[in-house]
Amino acid sequence: MLVKPKAQSRWTWIIAAYLFLAGVGGGAYLTGVSAAFFGGEEWGAVSKIGVFLGFPCVAVGCAFLLLDLGSPKNFWRAFMRPATSWMARGTIIISIFMILGAIHSVFLVFSKSGAAPPALGILGAVFALATVIYTGILLGASRPIAFWSTAVLPALFLVSALSTGVMAVALVGSMVGVSKDVMTVLEKLDIVLIVSEILALGFFLQATHRVTESRASAKLVLCGSVAPAFWLGVVLLGLLIPLVLTALGVTNPDGVMAQFTVIIASLCGLAGGLLLRQVILSGGIHAPLKAGRFEYILTNV
C-alpha cells in the first residue's frame, strides 16, 4: 500500500514570520555592531539603527511564536527539554540575545559617551549570529521532512538574515539622512549578500532535488503549487529587483532617485525574505517510512 506524500500543515505563516523577524533582528544587530568598529559620526548612526532594530524585531517575532502556541501562558513550554529540543535551545538563545540587545540599546541612549562597551557588542553579536543560524537548524531538526534536513538550509537562512538585516538598516538610514557615502557602502555590501543568497538558494534546491526523500518538495517549489510564490515572490521580488535597484543606486548615488531606489529595493528584499521562509515551510513534504509493502506518513511535526 502506497501513501501519497503530503506537505506539512503544522508550521504556517505564523512560524514563517517568527523565523523572518528573528533573522532580520539578528542581521540588523550584526550590521550595527560591525558599523561601530568603523568609527565616525555617520557610522555611529548606522550602528545605532542596527542595534535599535535588533531587540524589537526579535521581540515581535516571539509574539508570533506565542500566537502559534495558542496562549501566552504556554510560552514556558518553549523552554522545555533543551537537551533534546532545538525549539528550546533556540528560545534560550533568542532570550539571551534580546536581553543583551536591550542592554546595548540602553547604553546607546543613556550613557554619556553614547556608546556601549565593545565586549557587550561582541557578546551580543555572538548570540545574534546564533539566532540567525538557529532558525535554519530548527527546521533541519524536523527529521520526517527531508527538504529541511540539509546543511545548506542554515547557510541560506544566515545569508538571507544578513541581507535583510542590512536592508532594514539601509531603509531606516535612507529615511533619517545617513550620508550617501555610508549608504553606498551598505548597498555594495548588500549586493554581495544578495548574490551569495542566490548561490545558496541554488545549492539548496540542487541538493534537495538530488535526494529521493526531498525531490517531491523541490518539485513542489519549482513547478508545483508553491512555484508562483517562489518565482515571483522570492526570486523576482526578493532577489532580482533588489539586486538591480541596488546596483543602480551604487552607480548613481547622487541621482534624485537614489533614496527612492534604496527604499523600494529594501522593501522588496524584506518581503522576499519573509516569502522565502514561507516557501520553505510550504514545500516541506513528509517523507514516508517504508515497512515491507507499506508506507507510513509521520504528520506530527
Protein backbone atom coordinates (compact mmCIF):
# COMPACT_ATOMS: atom_id res chain seq x y z
CA MET A 1 0.00 0.00 0.00
CA LEU A 2 1.40 3.40 -1.03
CA VAL A 3 0.51 6.61 0.72
CA LYS A 4 0.88 9.80 -1.29
CA PRO A 5 3.27 12.21 0.45
CA LYS A 6 1.69 15.47 1.56
CA ALA A 7 3.00 18.83 2.61
CA GLN A 8 3.15 19.62 6.30
CA SER A 9 0.46 21.92 7.64
CA ARG A 10 1.56 22.36 11.25
CA TRP A 11 4.02 25.19 10.66
CA THR A 12 2.15 28.03 8.94
CA TRP A 13 2.86 31.66 8.02
CA ILE A 14 3.00 32.49 11.73
CA ILE A 15 6.19 30.46 12.09
CA ALA A 16 7.48 31.97 8.84
CA ALA A 17 7.01 35.44 10.36
CA TYR A 18 8.79 34.31 13.53
CA LEU A 19 11.76 32.94 11.59
CA PHE A 20 11.87 36.03 9.36
CA LEU A 21 11.81 38.59 12.17
CA ALA A 22 14.39 36.67 14.17
CA GLY A 23 16.63 36.75 11.10
CA VAL A 24 16.07 40.45 10.39
CA GLY A 25 16.67 41.39 14.02
CA GLY A 26 19.84 39.35 14.24
CA GLY A 27 21.11 40.57 10.88
CA ALA A 28 20.40 44.22 11.70
CA TYR A 29 22.15 43.91 15.06
CA LEU A 30 25.20 42.33 13.44
CA THR A 31 25.24 45.21 10.94
CA GLY A 32 25.06 47.70 13.79
CA VAL A 33 27.86 46.10 15.79
CA SER A 34 30.05 45.90 12.70
CA ALA A 35 29.39 49.57 11.90
CA ALA A 36 30.54 50.57 15.39
CA PHE A 37 34.07 49.44 14.56
CA PHE A 38 34.29 51.84 11.59
CA GLY A 39 34.10 54.84 13.89
CA GLY A 40 32.90 58.31 12.96
CA GLU A 41 29.58 60.03 13.45
CA GLU A 42 27.94 58.65 10.31
CA TRP A 43 28.84 55.05 11.06
CA GLY A 44 27.76 55.66 14.65
CA ALA A 45 24.30 56.48 13.31
CA VAL A 46 24.26 53.22 11.35
CA SER A 47 25.40 51.35 14.45
CA LYS A 48 22.54 52.75 16.49
CA ILE A 49 19.98 51.93 13.80
CA GLY A 50 21.14 48.31 13.67
CA VAL A 51 21.22 47.85 17.43
CA PHE A 52 17.86 49.58 17.92
CA LEU A 53 16.26 47.29 15.31
CA GLY A 54 17.60 44.08 16.85
CA PHE A 55 15.56 43.79 20.02
CA PRO A 56 12.10 44.93 18.74
CA CYS A 57 12.26 42.78 15.59
CA VAL A 58 13.04 39.64 17.55
CA ALA A 59 10.51 40.55 20.24
CA VAL A 60 7.74 40.89 17.66
CA GLY A 61 8.89 37.58 16.17
CA CYS A 62 8.50 35.96 19.58
CA ALA A 63 4.97 37.40 19.73
CA PHE A 64 4.19 35.41 16.58
CA LEU A 65 5.60 32.33 18.29
CA LEU A 66 3.26 32.97 21.23
CA LEU A 67 0.40 33.24 18.75
CA ASP A 68 1.33 29.85 17.31
CA LEU A 69 1.44 28.31 20.78
CA GLY A 70 -2.14 29.44 21.25
CA SER A 71 -1.81 31.19 24.59
CA PRO A 72 0.88 33.31 26.28
CA LYS A 73 0.67 31.07 29.33
CA ASN A 74 2.04 28.23 27.17
CA PHE A 75 5.25 30.16 26.46
CA TRP A 76 7.11 28.27 29.15
CA ARG A 77 6.76 25.14 27.02
CA ALA A 78 9.19 26.63 24.51
CA PHE A 79 11.95 26.33 27.14
CA MET A 80 11.25 22.65 27.87
CA ARG A 81 13.80 19.91 27.08
CA PRO A 82 16.77 21.98 25.84
CA ALA A 83 18.88 18.80 25.80
CA THR A 84 16.76 17.33 23.01
CA SER A 85 14.72 20.18 21.50
CA TRP A 86 16.08 22.80 19.13
CA MET A 87 12.97 24.87 19.79
CA ALA A 88 14.01 25.07 23.46
CA ARG A 89 17.66 25.78 22.65
CA GLY A 90 16.66 28.47 20.18
CA THR A 91 14.26 30.07 22.64
CA ILE A 92 17.06 30.30 25.20
CA ILE A 93 19.47 31.74 22.61
CA ILE A 94 16.92 34.30 21.45
CA SER A 95 16.02 35.27 25.02
CA ILE A 96 19.67 35.94 25.84
CA PHE A 97 20.08 37.91 22.63
CA MET A 98 17.06 40.08 23.42
CA ILE A 99 18.38 40.79 26.92
CA LEU A 100 21.79 41.77 25.53
CA GLY A 101 20.20 43.81 22.76
CA ALA A 102 18.02 45.68 25.22
CA ILE A 103 21.00 46.43 27.48
CA HIS A 104 23.02 47.57 24.45
CA SER A 105 20.19 49.93 23.44
CA VAL A 106 20.03 51.39 26.95
CA PHE A 107 23.77 52.12 26.83
CA LEU A 108 23.42 53.91 23.50
CA VAL A 109 20.60 56.08 24.82
CA PHE A 110 21.70 56.88 28.35
CA SER A 111 25.50 56.58 28.52
CA LYS A 112 27.45 59.84 28.43
CA SER A 113 29.61 58.62 25.56
CA GLY A 114 26.62 57.39 23.57
CA ALA A 115 28.35 54.05 23.12
CA ALA A 116 28.33 50.63 24.73
CA PRO A 117 31.32 48.62 25.96
CA PRO A 118 32.86 46.75 22.99
CA ALA A 119 32.64 43.48 24.92
CA LEU A 120 28.86 43.87 25.15
CA GLY A 121 28.59 44.35 21.39
CA ILE A 122 30.78 41.33 20.68
CA LEU A 123 28.81 39.12 23.08
CA GLY A 124 25.54 40.34 21.59
CA ALA A 125 26.88 39.65 18.09
CA VAL A 126 27.69 36.07 19.08
CA PHE A 127 24.10 35.46 20.18
CA ALA A 128 22.75 37.38 17.18
CA LEU A 129 24.72 35.06 14.90
CA ALA A 130 23.48 32.04 16.85
CA THR A 131 19.92 33.34 16.48
CA VAL A 132 20.01 33.59 12.69
CA ILE A 133 21.73 30.22 12.28
CA TYR A 134 19.35 28.53 14.70
CA THR A 135 16.35 29.33 12.52
CA GLY A 136 17.70 27.01 9.83
CA ILE A 137 18.82 24.35 12.30
CA LEU A 138 15.33 24.32 13.86
CA LEU A 139 13.79 23.20 10.58
CA GLY A 140 16.60 20.73 9.91
CA ALA A 141 15.88 19.05 13.24
CA SER A 142 12.46 18.05 11.89
CA ARG A 143 13.69 14.72 10.57
CA PRO A 144 10.46 13.48 8.88
CA ILE A 145 10.82 16.38 6.40
CA ALA A 146 13.92 15.71 4.32
CA PHE A 147 13.57 19.05 2.46
CA TRP A 148 14.64 20.82 5.66
CA SER A 149 17.31 18.33 6.71
CA THR A 150 20.27 19.72 4.82
CA ALA A 151 23.32 21.63 5.98
CA VAL A 152 22.71 24.21 3.24
CA LEU A 153 19.50 25.48 4.85
CA PRO A 154 21.16 27.14 7.89
CA ALA A 155 23.65 28.75 5.49
CA LEU A 156 20.79 30.00 3.29
CA PHE A 157 18.94 31.46 6.27
CA LEU A 158 22.17 33.03 7.54
CA VAL A 159 22.88 34.85 4.28
CA SER A 160 19.23 35.85 3.97
CA ALA A 161 19.22 37.21 7.53
CA LEU A 162 22.37 39.24 6.91
CA SER A 163 20.95 40.61 3.66
CA THR A 164 17.55 41.54 5.11
CA GLY A 165 19.29 42.97 8.18
CA VAL A 166 21.38 45.27 6.00
CA MET A 167 18.25 46.18 4.02
CA ALA A 168 16.37 47.09 7.19
CA VAL A 169 19.26 49.29 8.34
CA ALA A 170 19.56 50.88 4.86
CA LEU A 171 15.80 51.50 4.77
CA VAL A 172 15.83 53.39 8.07
CA GLY A 173 19.16 55.04 7.22
CA SER A 174 17.77 56.46 3.97
CA MET A 175 14.87 57.99 5.89
CA VAL A 176 16.95 59.62 8.65
CA GLY A 177 19.55 61.11 6.35
CA VAL A 178 22.60 58.86 6.63
CA SER A 179 25.34 60.14 4.30
CA LYS A 180 25.49 58.97 0.69
CA ASP A 181 28.98 57.52 1.15
CA VAL A 182 27.85 55.31 4.00
CA MET A 183 24.69 54.28 2.14
CA THR A 184 26.82 53.34 -0.87
CA VAL A 185 28.93 51.03 1.31
CA LEU A 186 25.77 49.39 2.69
CA GLU A 187 24.42 48.94 -0.83
CA LYS A 188 27.66 47.37 -2.07
CA LEU A 189 27.62 45.01 0.90
CA ASP A 190 24.03 44.03 0.16
CA ILE A 191 24.85 43.32 -3.49
CA VAL A 192 27.42 40.79 -2.30
CA LEU A 193 24.89 39.30 0.14
CA ILE A 194 22.12 39.09 -2.48
CA VAL A 195 24.41 37.30 -4.93
CA SER A 196 25.52 34.98 -2.12
CA GLU A 197 21.89 34.27 -1.29
CA ILE A 198 21.12 33.44 -4.91
CA LEU A 199 24.01 30.97 -4.92
CA ALA A 200 22.98 29.48 -1.57
CA LEU A 201 19.40 29.08 -2.78
CA GLY A 202 20.63 27.36 -5.93
CA PHE A 203 22.81 24.95 -3.95
CA PHE A 204 19.92 24.25 -1.57
CA LEU A 205 17.49 23.37 -4.36
CA GLN A 206 20.10 21.31 -6.20
CA ALA A 207 20.92 19.34 -3.06
CA THR A 208 17.28 18.69 -2.19
CA HIS A 209 16.35 17.75 -5.76
CA ARG A 210 19.05 15.07 -5.82
CA VAL A 211 17.69 13.28 -2.74
CA THR A 212 14.72 10.98 -3.33
CA GLU A 213 13.09 11.85 0.01
CA SER A 214 13.12 15.59 -0.74
CA ARG A 215 12.70 15.59 -4.52
CA ALA A 216 8.93 15.95 -4.24
CA SER A 217 9.42 19.07 -2.13
CA ALA A 218 11.83 20.59 -4.64
CA LYS A 219 9.37 19.92 -7.47
CA LEU A 220 6.55 21.43 -5.42
CA VAL A 221 8.58 24.61 -5.02
CA LEU A 222 9.95 24.79 -8.56
CA CYS A 223 6.93 23.77 -10.61
CA GLY A 224 4.11 22.89 -8.23
CA SER A 225 1.57 24.86 -6.22
CA VAL A 226 4.30 26.77 -4.35
CA ALA A 227 6.07 27.81 -7.59
CA PRO A 228 4.30 31.19 -8.06
CA ALA A 229 5.33 32.32 -4.56
CA PHE A 230 8.86 31.10 -5.21
CA TRP A 231 9.49 32.53 -8.68
CA LEU A 232 7.51 35.77 -8.33
CA GLY A 233 7.88 36.38 -4.59
CA VAL A 234 11.33 35.05 -3.69
CA VAL A 235 13.31 35.17 -6.93
CA LEU A 236 11.83 38.22 -8.68
CA LEU A 237 10.57 40.40 -5.83
CA GLY A 238 13.05 39.38 -3.15
CA LEU A 239 16.28 38.93 -5.11
CA LEU A 240 16.37 40.21 -8.69
CA ILE A 241 14.55 43.51 -8.21
CA PRO A 242 16.61 44.48 -5.11
CA LEU A 243 19.79 43.43 -6.92
CA VAL A 244 19.06 45.58 -9.97
CA LEU A 245 17.83 48.59 -7.98
CA THR A 246 20.75 48.43 -5.54
CA ALA A 247 23.22 48.24 -8.42
CA LEU A 248 21.58 51.30 -9.98
CA GLY A 249 21.86 53.12 -6.67
CA VAL A 250 25.56 52.33 -6.41
CA THR A 251 26.29 53.51 -9.95
CA ASN A 252 24.32 56.74 -9.48
CA PRO A 253 24.37 57.63 -5.76
CA ASP A 254 23.82 61.35 -6.41
CA GLY A 255 20.74 60.94 -8.56
CA VAL A 256 17.36 62.21 -7.46
CA MET A 257 16.09 58.63 -7.45
CA ALA A 258 18.86 57.31 -5.19
CA GLN A 259 16.82 57.41 -1.99
CA PHE A 260 13.77 56.04 -3.77
CA THR A 261 15.68 53.04 -5.12
CA VAL A 262 17.05 52.23 -1.65
CA ILE A 263 13.57 52.29 -0.15
CA ILE A 264 11.96 50.18 -2.89
CA ALA A 265 14.87 47.72 -3.01
CA SER A 266 14.80 47.29 0.77
CA LEU A 267 11.03 46.82 0.95
CA CYS A 268 11.10 44.27 -1.88
CA GLY A 269 14.03 42.43 -0.30
CA LEU A 270 12.35 42.29 3.09
CA ALA A 271 9.13 40.98 1.56
CA GLY A 272 11.16 38.37 -0.32
CA GLY A 273 12.89 37.31 2.89
CA LEU A 274 9.53 36.63 4.51
CA LEU A 275 8.29 34.76 1.44
CA LEU A 276 11.47 32.66 1.36
CA ARG A 277 10.67 31.25 4.80
CA GLN A 278 7.04 30.71 3.85
CA VAL A 279 8.05 28.87 0.67
CA ILE A 280 10.49 26.65 2.58
CA LEU A 281 7.78 25.79 5.10
CA SER A 282 5.09 25.24 2.44
CA GLY A 283 7.44 22.99 0.48
CA GLY A 284 8.04 20.63 3.39
CA ILE A 285 6.67 17.21 2.47
CA HIS A 286 6.61 14.38 4.97
CA ALA A 287 8.95 11.57 3.94
CA PRO A 288 7.18 8.21 4.18
CA LEU A 289 8.55 5.43 6.37
CA LYS A 290 8.63 2.13 4.50
CA ALA A 291 7.91 -1.24 6.09
CA GLY A 292 7.61 -4.03 3.57
CA ARG A 293 4.87 -3.12 1.14
CA PHE A 294 3.55 -0.37 3.38
CA GLU A 295 4.44 3.30 3.73
CA TYR A 296 3.54 5.44 6.69
CA ILE A 297 3.49 9.22 6.85
CA LEU A 298 4.53 10.98 10.06
CA THR A 299 2.45 14.15 10.24
CA ASN A 300 3.06 15.35 13.79
CA VAL A 301 5.78 17.94 13.16
